[in-house]
Amino acid sequence: MATTRGRVHTGPVMNAAPVTPTPVTPVTVTPAAARRPVDYVWAIARIALGWVFLWAFLDKTFGWGFATPAERAWIAGGSPTTGFLKGTGENALGGLFAGLAGQGWVDWLFMLGLLGIGAALIVGAGLRIAAATGGLLMVLMWAAELPLTTNPFMDEHLVYAVVLAGLAMAQAGDTLGLGRWWGATPLVREHPVLR
């Protein structure tokens, strides 16, 4: 009796081609004890940057007085994009960005972005999407401020964009986060972009 790929054949196999097993992509799972110090550095950077995004969402929503006074809070009818975008009117792309200030769809996209990016970074799941959307948000904010007054081309927005890419590439959500669990779910294994 011959067996080929799990099938049982009762007769002899004549002139059968050799069976090559299908390669299986191994999943790397690093036990907690095998983590390197740099994994913790990336994890702390991930949580800290996540807090920057989440705090911006909370302060703009509730007007806790750090960057947004209570009377300009989103829940009090204020626009979370007006202050920044109206201030770009004299810049190189100011006409484009100032025209977006205060529009409802822009406010909603901006606030949902801050919340989603911040939450994903803090919990450590969905870092690829958080890095892509956060990087896009940072590059747009950088472009709105051109020309820069303190540096020919570099500012914190571009640095944040690079750090976001590094967090996703380093799988920083696996340490001190839910990244390893999230990556093992059937949904993420079927759609790795959600990692």
N, C-alpha and C. Protein backbone atom coordinates (compact mmCIF):
# COMPACT_ATOMS: atom_id res chain seq x y z
N MET A 1 0.86 -1.16 0.00
CA MET A 1 0.00 0.00 0.00
C MET A 1 0.91 1.23 0.00
N ALA A 2 0.65 2.19 -0.90
CA ALA A 2 1.47 3.39 -1.00
C ALA A 2 0.67 4.59 -0.51
N THR A 3 1.37 5.54 0.09
CA THR A 3 0.70 6.75 0.57
C THR A 3 1.33 7.95 -0.11
N THR A 4 0.50 8.78 -0.72
CA THR A 4 0.97 10.00 -1.37
C THR A 4 0.16 11.17 -0.86
N ARG A 5 0.81 12.12 -0.20
CA ARG A 5 0.16 13.32 0.32
C ARG A 5 -1.11 12.98 1.12
N GLY A 6 -1.02 12.04 1.98
CA GLY A 6 -2.12 11.73 2.87
C GLY A 6 -3.19 10.84 2.26
N ARG A 7 -3.07 10.49 0.97
CA ARG A 7 -4.06 9.62 0.33
C ARG A 7 -3.52 8.19 0.31
N VAL A 8 -4.35 7.26 0.59
CA VAL A 8 -3.94 5.86 0.59
C VAL A 8 -4.32 5.25 -0.75
N HIS A 9 -3.35 4.64 -1.41
CA HIS A 9 -3.60 3.96 -2.67
C HIS A 9 -3.42 2.47 -2.43
N THR A 10 -4.34 1.70 -2.95
CA THR A 10 -4.26 0.26 -2.73
C THR A 10 -3.35 -0.45 -3.70
N GLY A 11 -3.14 0.17 -4.85
CA GLY A 11 -2.29 -0.48 -5.84
C GLY A 11 -0.90 0.13 -5.85
N PRO A 12 0.01 -0.48 -6.61
CA PRO A 12 1.36 0.07 -6.70
C PRO A 12 1.33 1.39 -7.48
N VAL A 13 2.24 2.26 -7.15
CA VAL A 13 2.34 3.54 -7.82
C VAL A 13 3.37 3.38 -8.93
N MET A 14 2.92 3.56 -10.15
CA MET A 14 3.78 3.36 -11.31
C MET A 14 4.18 4.72 -11.86
N ASN A 15 5.44 4.89 -12.14
CA ASN A 15 5.95 6.10 -12.76
C ASN A 15 5.46 7.37 -12.07
N ALA A 16 5.33 7.35 -10.77
CA ALA A 16 4.86 8.52 -10.03
C ALA A 16 6.01 9.52 -9.89
N ALA A 17 5.69 10.77 -10.09
CA ALA A 17 6.68 11.83 -9.90
C ALA A 17 6.98 11.97 -8.42
N PRO A 18 8.20 12.32 -8.08
CA PRO A 18 8.49 12.49 -6.66
C PRO A 18 7.64 13.61 -6.07
N VAL A 19 7.22 13.41 -4.86
CA VAL A 19 6.36 14.37 -4.18
C VAL A 19 7.24 15.36 -3.44
N THR A 20 7.03 16.64 -3.76
CA THR A 20 7.77 17.70 -3.08
C THR A 20 6.82 18.34 -2.09
N PRO A 21 7.18 18.35 -0.83
CA PRO A 21 6.26 18.96 0.15
C PRO A 21 6.14 20.47 -0.08
N THR A 22 4.95 20.98 0.18
CA THR A 22 4.69 22.40 0.07
C THR A 22 5.43 23.12 1.18
N PRO A 23 6.21 24.15 0.83
CA PRO A 23 6.94 24.84 1.89
C PRO A 23 5.99 25.56 2.84
N VAL A 24 6.32 25.51 4.09
CA VAL A 24 5.51 26.17 5.12
C VAL A 24 6.33 27.33 5.66
N THR A 25 5.72 28.51 5.66
CA THR A 25 6.41 29.67 6.20
C THR A 25 6.36 29.61 7.71
N PRO A 26 7.52 29.55 8.34
CA PRO A 26 7.52 29.45 9.81
C PRO A 26 7.10 30.78 10.44
N VAL A 27 6.42 30.68 11.56
CA VAL A 27 6.04 31.85 12.33
C VAL A 27 7.04 31.98 13.46
N THR A 28 7.71 33.10 13.52
CA THR A 28 8.70 33.32 14.55
C THR A 28 8.02 33.82 15.82
N VAL A 29 8.13 33.07 16.86
CA VAL A 29 7.58 33.47 18.14
C VAL A 29 8.74 33.51 19.13
N THR A 30 9.01 34.69 19.61
CA THR A 30 10.12 34.87 20.53
C THR A 30 9.58 34.80 21.96
N PRO A 31 10.03 33.86 22.74
CA PRO A 31 9.57 33.83 24.13
C PRO A 31 10.03 35.08 24.87
N ALA A 32 9.28 35.44 25.89
CA ALA A 32 9.57 36.65 26.65
C ALA A 32 11.01 36.66 27.16
N ALA A 33 11.52 35.52 27.54
CA ALA A 33 12.87 35.46 28.08
C ALA A 33 13.93 35.74 27.02
N ALA A 34 13.60 35.55 25.73
CA ALA A 34 14.57 35.74 24.67
C ALA A 34 14.53 37.14 24.06
N ARG A 35 13.72 38.01 24.59
CA ARG A 35 13.65 39.38 24.06
C ARG A 35 14.94 40.13 24.37
N ARG A 36 15.28 41.00 23.44
CA ARG A 36 16.49 41.80 23.57
C ARG A 36 16.13 43.14 24.20
N PRO A 37 17.09 43.83 24.78
CA PRO A 37 16.81 45.16 25.35
C PRO A 37 16.22 46.12 24.32
N VAL A 38 16.66 46.03 23.08
CA VAL A 38 16.14 46.93 22.06
C VAL A 38 14.64 46.72 21.83
N ASP A 39 14.15 45.51 22.07
CA ASP A 39 12.71 45.25 21.93
C ASP A 39 11.92 46.09 22.93
N TYR A 40 12.48 46.26 24.11
CA TYR A 40 11.81 47.08 25.13
C TYR A 40 11.91 48.56 24.79
N VAL A 41 13.02 48.97 24.19
CA VAL A 41 13.16 50.36 23.76
C VAL A 41 12.10 50.68 22.72
N TRP A 42 11.93 49.80 21.72
CA TRP A 42 10.90 50.01 20.70
C TRP A 42 9.51 50.01 21.32
N ALA A 43 9.28 49.13 22.27
CA ALA A 43 7.97 49.06 22.92
C ALA A 43 7.66 50.35 23.68
N ILE A 44 8.64 50.86 24.39
CA ILE A 44 8.43 52.11 25.14
C ILE A 44 8.23 53.27 24.17
N ALA A 45 8.99 53.29 23.08
CA ALA A 45 8.79 54.34 22.06
C ALA A 45 7.40 54.24 21.47
N ARG A 46 6.92 53.03 21.22
CA ARG A 46 5.57 52.80 20.68
C ARG A 46 4.50 53.35 21.63
N ILE A 47 4.61 53.03 22.89
CA ILE A 47 3.62 53.48 23.87
C ILE A 47 3.68 55.00 24.03
N ALA A 48 4.89 55.55 24.08
CA ALA A 48 5.03 57.00 24.23
C ALA A 48 4.45 57.74 23.03
N LEU A 49 4.74 57.30 21.83
CA LEU A 49 4.20 57.95 20.64
C LEU A 49 2.69 57.75 20.56
N GLY A 50 2.22 56.58 20.98
CA GLY A 50 0.78 56.35 21.03
C GLY A 50 0.09 57.33 21.96
N TRP A 51 0.74 57.64 23.08
CA TRP A 51 0.18 58.61 24.03
C TRP A 51 0.14 60.01 23.42
N VAL A 52 1.14 60.37 22.61
CA VAL A 52 1.13 61.67 21.94
C VAL A 52 -0.12 61.80 21.07
N PHE A 53 -0.42 60.78 20.28
CA PHE A 53 -1.61 60.80 19.41
C PHE A 53 -2.90 60.76 20.23
N LEU A 54 -2.95 59.86 21.22
CA LEU A 54 -4.17 59.73 22.02
C LEU A 54 -4.43 60.99 22.83
N TRP A 55 -3.38 61.59 23.39
CA TRP A 55 -3.56 62.81 24.17
C TRP A 55 -4.07 63.95 23.29
N ALA A 56 -3.56 64.06 22.07
CA ALA A 56 -4.05 65.09 21.15
C ALA A 56 -5.54 64.90 20.91
N PHE A 57 -5.97 63.66 20.74
CA PHE A 57 -7.39 63.38 20.55
C PHE A 57 -8.19 63.81 21.79
N LEU A 58 -7.75 63.41 22.97
CA LEU A 58 -8.49 63.71 24.20
C LEU A 58 -8.55 65.21 24.48
N ASP A 59 -7.42 65.91 24.34
CA ASP A 59 -7.39 67.34 24.63
C ASP A 59 -8.26 68.11 23.64
N LYS A 60 -8.20 67.75 22.36
CA LYS A 60 -9.02 68.44 21.37
C LYS A 60 -10.51 68.11 21.54
N THR A 61 -10.81 66.91 21.99
CA THR A 61 -12.21 66.52 22.18
C THR A 61 -12.81 67.22 23.39
N PHE A 62 -12.11 67.21 24.51
CA PHE A 62 -12.69 67.69 25.77
C PHE A 62 -12.19 69.06 26.20
N GLY A 63 -11.18 69.61 25.54
CA GLY A 63 -10.68 70.93 25.88
C GLY A 63 -10.16 71.01 27.30
N TRP A 64 -9.20 70.17 27.62
CA TRP A 64 -8.67 70.11 28.98
C TRP A 64 -7.66 71.20 29.26
N GLY A 65 -7.48 72.13 28.32
CA GLY A 65 -6.69 73.31 28.58
C GLY A 65 -5.20 73.20 28.34
N PHE A 66 -4.72 72.10 27.83
CA PHE A 66 -3.29 72.00 27.55
C PHE A 66 -2.98 72.69 26.22
N ALA A 67 -3.59 72.22 25.15
CA ALA A 67 -3.45 72.88 23.85
C ALA A 67 -4.78 73.45 23.38
N THR A 68 -5.86 72.94 23.95
CA THR A 68 -7.20 73.36 23.54
C THR A 68 -7.99 73.84 24.75
N PRO A 69 -8.39 75.10 24.77
CA PRO A 69 -9.22 75.58 25.87
C PRO A 69 -10.63 74.96 25.79
N ALA A 70 -11.30 74.89 26.93
CA ALA A 70 -12.61 74.24 27.02
C ALA A 70 -13.61 74.80 26.02
N GLU A 71 -13.59 76.10 25.81
CA GLU A 71 -14.57 76.70 24.89
C GLU A 71 -14.33 76.33 23.43
N ARG A 72 -13.14 75.83 23.09
CA ARG A 72 -12.86 75.41 21.71
C ARG A 72 -12.82 73.90 21.56
N ALA A 73 -13.27 73.17 22.59
CA ALA A 73 -13.29 71.70 22.53
C ALA A 73 -14.23 71.22 21.44
N TRP A 74 -13.93 70.06 20.92
CA TRP A 74 -14.76 69.48 19.86
C TRP A 74 -16.19 69.25 20.36
N ILE A 75 -16.34 68.77 21.60
CA ILE A 75 -17.68 68.53 22.13
C ILE A 75 -18.43 69.82 22.42
N ALA A 76 -17.72 70.94 22.46
CA ALA A 76 -18.37 72.24 22.68
C ALA A 76 -18.62 72.95 21.34
N GLY A 77 -18.44 72.22 20.24
CA GLY A 77 -18.70 72.80 18.93
C GLY A 77 -17.48 73.37 18.22
N GLY A 78 -16.31 73.25 18.83
CA GLY A 78 -15.09 73.75 18.21
C GLY A 78 -14.61 72.82 17.11
N SER A 79 -13.75 73.32 16.28
CA SER A 79 -13.17 72.52 15.19
C SER A 79 -11.73 72.18 15.55
N PRO A 80 -11.40 70.89 15.62
CA PRO A 80 -10.04 70.50 16.00
C PRO A 80 -8.99 70.81 14.93
N THR A 81 -9.41 71.12 13.71
CA THR A 81 -8.42 71.39 12.65
C THR A 81 -8.25 72.88 12.37
N THR A 82 -9.15 73.71 12.82
CA THR A 82 -9.12 75.13 12.44
C THR A 82 -7.87 75.84 12.91
N GLY A 83 -7.48 75.69 14.16
CA GLY A 83 -6.32 76.42 14.68
C GLY A 83 -5.06 76.17 13.89
N PHE A 84 -4.74 74.90 13.67
CA PHE A 84 -3.51 74.56 12.95
C PHE A 84 -3.61 74.96 11.48
N LEU A 85 -4.69 74.57 10.83
CA LEU A 85 -4.78 74.80 9.38
C LEU A 85 -4.95 76.27 9.00
N LYS A 86 -5.68 77.02 9.79
CA LYS A 86 -5.81 78.46 9.50
C LYS A 86 -4.47 79.17 9.65
N GLY A 87 -3.64 78.66 10.55
CA GLY A 87 -2.32 79.25 10.77
C GLY A 87 -1.33 78.98 9.65
N THR A 88 -1.73 78.16 8.68
CA THR A 88 -0.83 77.83 7.57
C THR A 88 -1.10 78.70 6.34
N GLY A 89 -2.00 79.64 6.44
CA GLY A 89 -2.43 80.44 5.29
C GLY A 89 -1.32 81.13 4.53
N GLU A 90 -0.27 81.57 5.20
CA GLU A 90 0.83 82.29 4.55
C GLU A 90 1.93 81.34 4.04
N ASN A 91 1.81 80.06 4.33
CA ASN A 91 2.84 79.10 3.94
C ASN A 91 2.72 78.72 2.46
N ALA A 92 3.68 77.96 1.97
CA ALA A 92 3.73 77.61 0.54
C ALA A 92 2.46 76.92 0.06
N LEU A 93 1.94 75.99 0.84
CA LEU A 93 0.71 75.28 0.47
C LEU A 93 -0.47 75.74 1.32
N GLY A 94 -0.33 76.92 1.89
CA GLY A 94 -1.34 77.43 2.82
C GLY A 94 -2.73 77.53 2.25
N GLY A 95 -2.85 77.92 1.00
CA GLY A 95 -4.17 78.04 0.40
C GLY A 95 -4.92 76.72 0.40
N LEU A 96 -4.23 75.65 0.07
CA LEU A 96 -4.84 74.32 0.07
C LEU A 96 -5.27 73.91 1.47
N PHE A 97 -4.35 74.01 2.42
CA PHE A 97 -4.63 73.53 3.77
C PHE A 97 -5.60 74.45 4.52
N ALA A 98 -5.47 75.76 4.35
CA ALA A 98 -6.38 76.67 5.03
C ALA A 98 -7.80 76.48 4.54
N GLY A 99 -7.96 76.07 3.28
CA GLY A 99 -9.29 75.81 2.75
C GLY A 99 -9.96 74.59 3.36
N LEU A 100 -9.18 73.70 3.94
CA LEU A 100 -9.72 72.49 4.59
C LEU A 100 -10.13 72.74 6.04
N ALA A 101 -9.64 73.82 6.61
CA ALA A 101 -9.87 74.10 8.03
C ALA A 101 -11.36 74.19 8.35
N GLY A 102 -11.75 73.49 9.40
CA GLY A 102 -13.11 73.58 9.91
C GLY A 102 -14.15 72.78 9.16
N GLN A 103 -13.79 72.11 8.09
CA GLN A 103 -14.77 71.30 7.37
C GLN A 103 -15.06 70.04 8.18
N GLY A 104 -16.32 69.69 8.28
CA GLY A 104 -16.73 68.57 9.12
C GLY A 104 -16.02 67.26 8.79
N TRP A 105 -15.93 66.93 7.52
CA TRP A 105 -15.31 65.66 7.13
C TRP A 105 -13.82 65.66 7.47
N VAL A 106 -13.17 66.82 7.39
CA VAL A 106 -11.75 66.91 7.74
C VAL A 106 -11.58 66.73 9.25
N ASP A 107 -12.46 67.40 10.03
CA ASP A 107 -12.41 67.24 11.49
C ASP A 107 -12.59 65.78 11.89
N TRP A 108 -13.57 65.11 11.30
CA TRP A 108 -13.84 63.71 11.65
C TRP A 108 -12.67 62.81 11.25
N LEU A 109 -12.15 62.97 10.05
CA LEU A 109 -11.01 62.14 9.64
C LEU A 109 -9.80 62.37 10.55
N PHE A 110 -9.53 63.62 10.86
CA PHE A 110 -8.40 63.96 11.72
C PHE A 110 -8.56 63.33 13.11
N MET A 111 -9.73 63.50 13.69
CA MET A 111 -9.95 62.99 15.05
C MET A 111 -9.98 61.46 15.10
N LEU A 112 -10.62 60.84 14.12
CA LEU A 112 -10.61 59.37 14.08
C LEU A 112 -9.19 58.85 13.86
N GLY A 113 -8.41 59.58 13.06
CA GLY A 113 -7.01 59.21 12.87
C GLY A 113 -6.22 59.28 14.16
N LEU A 114 -6.36 60.39 14.88
CA LEU A 114 -5.65 60.52 16.16
C LEU A 114 -6.03 59.40 17.12
N LEU A 115 -7.33 59.12 17.23
CA LEU A 115 -7.80 58.07 18.14
C LEU A 115 -7.31 56.69 17.71
N GLY A 116 -7.50 56.36 16.44
CA GLY A 116 -7.12 55.03 15.95
C GLY A 116 -5.62 54.79 16.01
N ILE A 117 -4.84 55.76 15.58
CA ILE A 117 -3.38 55.62 15.60
C ILE A 117 -2.89 55.50 17.04
N GLY A 118 -3.39 56.38 17.92
CA GLY A 118 -2.98 56.33 19.32
C GLY A 118 -3.34 55.03 19.99
N ALA A 119 -4.56 54.55 19.78
CA ALA A 119 -5.00 53.29 20.40
C ALA A 119 -4.19 52.11 19.87
N ALA A 120 -3.97 52.06 18.55
CA ALA A 120 -3.22 50.95 17.97
C ALA A 120 -1.79 50.91 18.52
N LEU A 121 -1.17 52.07 18.64
CA LEU A 121 0.20 52.11 19.15
C LEU A 121 0.25 51.69 20.62
N ILE A 122 -0.68 52.14 21.41
CA ILE A 122 -0.65 51.81 22.83
C ILE A 122 -0.88 50.33 23.07
N VAL A 123 -1.85 49.73 22.37
CA VAL A 123 -2.12 48.30 22.59
C VAL A 123 -1.16 47.41 21.82
N GLY A 124 -0.52 47.93 20.77
CA GLY A 124 0.46 47.15 20.03
C GLY A 124 -0.11 46.28 18.94
N ALA A 125 -1.31 46.56 18.48
CA ALA A 125 -1.94 45.78 17.42
C ALA A 125 -2.32 46.71 16.27
N GLY A 126 -2.18 46.22 15.05
CA GLY A 126 -2.52 47.04 13.90
C GLY A 126 -1.46 48.08 13.58
N LEU A 127 -0.21 47.78 13.89
CA LEU A 127 0.86 48.77 13.73
C LEU A 127 1.14 49.11 12.28
N ARG A 128 0.91 48.19 11.36
CA ARG A 128 1.17 48.51 9.95
C ARG A 128 0.23 49.61 9.46
N ILE A 129 -1.03 49.48 9.78
CA ILE A 129 -2.00 50.50 9.36
C ILE A 129 -1.76 51.79 10.13
N ALA A 130 -1.47 51.68 11.42
CA ALA A 130 -1.18 52.88 12.23
C ALA A 130 0.05 53.60 11.69
N ALA A 131 1.08 52.86 11.27
CA ALA A 131 2.28 53.48 10.74
C ALA A 131 2.00 54.17 9.41
N ALA A 132 1.22 53.53 8.55
CA ALA A 132 0.91 54.12 7.24
C ALA A 132 0.06 55.37 7.39
N THR A 133 -1.01 55.28 8.17
CA THR A 133 -1.91 56.43 8.32
C THR A 133 -1.26 57.53 9.16
N GLY A 134 -0.55 57.14 10.20
CA GLY A 134 0.14 58.14 11.02
C GLY A 134 1.25 58.82 10.24
N GLY A 135 1.99 58.06 9.44
CA GLY A 135 3.02 58.64 8.60
C GLY A 135 2.44 59.62 7.59
N LEU A 136 1.31 59.26 6.98
CA LEU A 136 0.64 60.16 6.04
C LEU A 136 0.19 61.44 6.74
N LEU A 137 -0.41 61.30 7.92
CA LEU A 137 -0.85 62.47 8.69
C LEU A 137 0.34 63.38 9.01
N MET A 138 1.45 62.79 9.43
CA MET A 138 2.62 63.58 9.78
C MET A 138 3.21 64.29 8.55
N VAL A 139 3.27 63.62 7.42
CA VAL A 139 3.80 64.25 6.20
C VAL A 139 2.88 65.38 5.75
N LEU A 140 1.57 65.21 5.86
CA LEU A 140 0.64 66.29 5.50
C LEU A 140 0.82 67.49 6.43
N MET A 141 0.99 67.23 7.72
CA MET A 141 1.19 68.34 8.66
C MET A 141 2.53 69.03 8.40
N TRP A 142 3.55 68.27 8.02
CA TRP A 142 4.84 68.84 7.65
C TRP A 142 4.68 69.73 6.41
N ALA A 143 3.97 69.23 5.41
CA ALA A 143 3.76 69.99 4.18
C ALA A 143 2.99 71.28 4.43
N ALA A 144 2.06 71.24 5.37
CA ALA A 144 1.27 72.44 5.69
C ALA A 144 2.13 73.54 6.28
N GLU A 145 3.25 73.19 6.91
CA GLU A 145 4.12 74.18 7.54
C GLU A 145 5.25 74.68 6.66
N LEU A 146 5.37 74.16 5.45
CA LEU A 146 6.46 74.60 4.55
C LEU A 146 6.30 76.05 4.15
N PRO A 147 7.34 76.82 4.02
CA PRO A 147 8.72 76.50 4.37
C PRO A 147 8.92 76.56 5.89
N LEU A 148 9.76 75.69 6.37
CA LEU A 148 10.01 75.62 7.81
C LEU A 148 10.84 76.83 8.24
N THR A 149 10.65 77.24 9.47
CA THR A 149 11.38 78.42 9.96
C THR A 149 12.64 78.07 10.73
N THR A 150 12.76 76.83 11.21
CA THR A 150 13.89 76.48 12.06
C THR A 150 14.86 75.51 11.41
N ASN A 151 14.54 74.97 10.23
CA ASN A 151 15.37 73.97 9.59
C ASN A 151 15.01 73.98 8.10
N PRO A 152 15.95 73.71 7.22
CA PRO A 152 15.62 73.75 5.79
C PRO A 152 14.54 72.74 5.38
N PHE A 153 14.51 71.55 6.01
CA PHE A 153 13.52 70.55 5.58
C PHE A 153 13.05 69.62 6.69
N MET A 154 13.79 69.47 7.77
CA MET A 154 13.48 68.45 8.77
C MET A 154 12.78 69.07 9.98
N ASP A 155 11.72 68.39 10.44
CA ASP A 155 11.09 68.75 11.71
C ASP A 155 10.53 67.50 12.36
N GLU A 156 9.87 67.68 13.51
CA GLU A 156 9.38 66.53 14.29
C GLU A 156 8.36 65.69 13.53
N HIS A 157 7.63 66.28 12.60
CA HIS A 157 6.63 65.51 11.85
C HIS A 157 7.30 64.40 11.03
N LEU A 158 8.40 64.73 10.37
CA LEU A 158 9.11 63.71 9.59
C LEU A 158 9.78 62.69 10.50
N VAL A 159 10.29 63.13 11.65
CA VAL A 159 10.90 62.20 12.59
C VAL A 159 9.84 61.21 13.09
N TYR A 160 8.66 61.70 13.44
CA TYR A 160 7.57 60.82 13.87
C TYR A 160 7.20 59.82 12.78
N ALA A 161 7.16 60.28 11.52
CA ALA A 161 6.83 59.38 10.40
C ALA A 161 7.85 58.25 10.29
N VAL A 162 9.13 58.58 10.44
CA VAL A 162 10.18 57.56 10.38
C VAL A 162 10.07 56.60 11.56
N VAL A 163 9.82 57.12 12.74
CA VAL A 163 9.69 56.27 13.93
C VAL A 163 8.48 55.34 13.78
N LEU A 164 7.38 55.84 13.25
CA LEU A 164 6.20 54.99 13.02
C LEU A 164 6.55 53.82 12.10
N ALA A 165 7.29 54.09 11.02
CA ALA A 165 7.70 53.02 10.12
C ALA A 165 8.59 52.01 10.85
N GLY A 166 9.51 52.51 11.65
CA GLY A 166 10.39 51.63 12.42
C GLY A 166 9.63 50.76 13.40
N LEU A 167 8.62 51.32 14.05
CA LEU A 167 7.82 50.55 15.00
C LEU A 167 7.12 49.39 14.32
N ALA A 168 6.56 49.64 13.15
CA ALA A 168 5.87 48.57 12.42
C ALA A 168 6.86 47.52 11.94
N MET A 169 8.00 47.96 11.40
CA MET A 169 8.99 47.02 10.87
C MET A 169 9.64 46.19 11.97
N ALA A 170 9.78 46.76 13.17
CA ALA A 170 10.40 46.05 14.29
C ALA A 170 9.39 45.18 15.04
N GLN A 171 8.15 45.19 14.58
CA GLN A 171 7.06 44.48 15.28
C GLN A 171 7.07 44.82 16.76
N ALA A 172 7.08 46.12 17.01
CA ALA A 172 7.19 46.63 18.38
C ALA A 172 5.99 46.30 19.24
N GLY A 173 4.90 45.89 18.64
CA GLY A 173 3.72 45.52 19.43
C GLY A 173 3.84 44.18 20.11
N ASP A 174 4.84 43.37 19.73
CA ASP A 174 5.01 42.05 20.33
C ASP A 174 5.54 42.13 21.76
N THR A 175 6.23 43.20 22.09
CA THR A 175 6.78 43.39 23.43
C THR A 175 5.92 44.41 24.16
N LEU A 176 5.45 44.06 25.34
CA LEU A 176 4.59 44.93 26.15
C LEU A 176 3.32 45.34 25.40
N GLY A 177 2.83 44.46 24.55
CA GLY A 177 1.62 44.75 23.78
C GLY A 177 0.94 43.48 23.31
N LEU A 178 -0.12 43.65 22.55
CA LEU A 178 -0.91 42.53 22.07
C LEU A 178 -0.52 42.08 20.66
N GLY A 179 0.60 42.56 20.15
CA GLY A 179 1.00 42.28 18.78
C GLY A 179 1.14 40.81 18.45
N ARG A 180 1.77 40.04 19.30
CA ARG A 180 1.96 38.61 19.03
C ARG A 180 0.61 37.89 18.98
N TRP A 181 -0.26 38.17 19.93
CA TRP A 181 -1.59 37.56 19.93
C TRP A 181 -2.37 38.00 18.69
N TRP A 182 -2.35 39.31 18.39
CA TRP A 182 -3.07 39.85 17.25
C TRP A 182 -2.57 39.22 15.95
N GLY A 183 -1.26 39.07 15.81
CA GLY A 183 -0.68 38.50 14.60
C GLY A 183 -1.03 37.04 14.40
N ALA A 184 -1.38 36.33 15.47
CA ALA A 184 -1.72 34.91 15.36
C ALA A 184 -3.20 34.68 15.10
N THR A 185 -4.01 35.72 15.10
CA THR A 185 -5.44 35.52 14.83
C THR A 185 -5.65 35.14 13.37
N PRO A 186 -6.70 34.36 13.08
CA PRO A 186 -6.95 33.97 11.70
C PRO A 186 -7.14 35.17 10.76
N LEU A 187 -7.76 36.22 11.24
CA LEU A 187 -7.98 37.41 10.42
C LEU A 187 -6.66 38.01 9.96
N VAL A 188 -5.73 38.16 10.86
CA VAL A 188 -4.44 38.78 10.52
C VAL A 188 -3.57 37.81 9.72
N ARG A 189 -3.65 36.52 9.99
CA ARG A 189 -2.89 35.58 9.18
C ARG A 189 -3.39 35.57 7.75
N GLU A 190 -4.68 35.80 7.56
CA GLU A 190 -5.25 35.85 6.21
C GLU A 190 -4.98 37.21 5.54
N HIS A 191 -4.92 38.26 6.34
CA HIS A 191 -4.68 39.63 5.83
C HIS A 191 -3.52 40.26 6.61
N PRO A 192 -2.28 39.93 6.26
CA PRO A 192 -1.12 40.39 7.03
C PRO A 192 -0.98 41.91 7.13
N VAL A 193 -1.61 42.66 6.24
CA VAL A 193 -1.53 44.12 6.32
C VAL A 193 -2.10 44.63 7.64
N LEU A 194 -2.95 43.84 8.27
CA LEU A 194 -3.56 44.23 9.55
C LEU A 194 -2.61 44.02 10.73
N ARG A 195 -1.48 43.43 10.51
CA ARG A 195 -0.52 43.13 11.58
C ARG A 195 -0.12 44.41 12.27
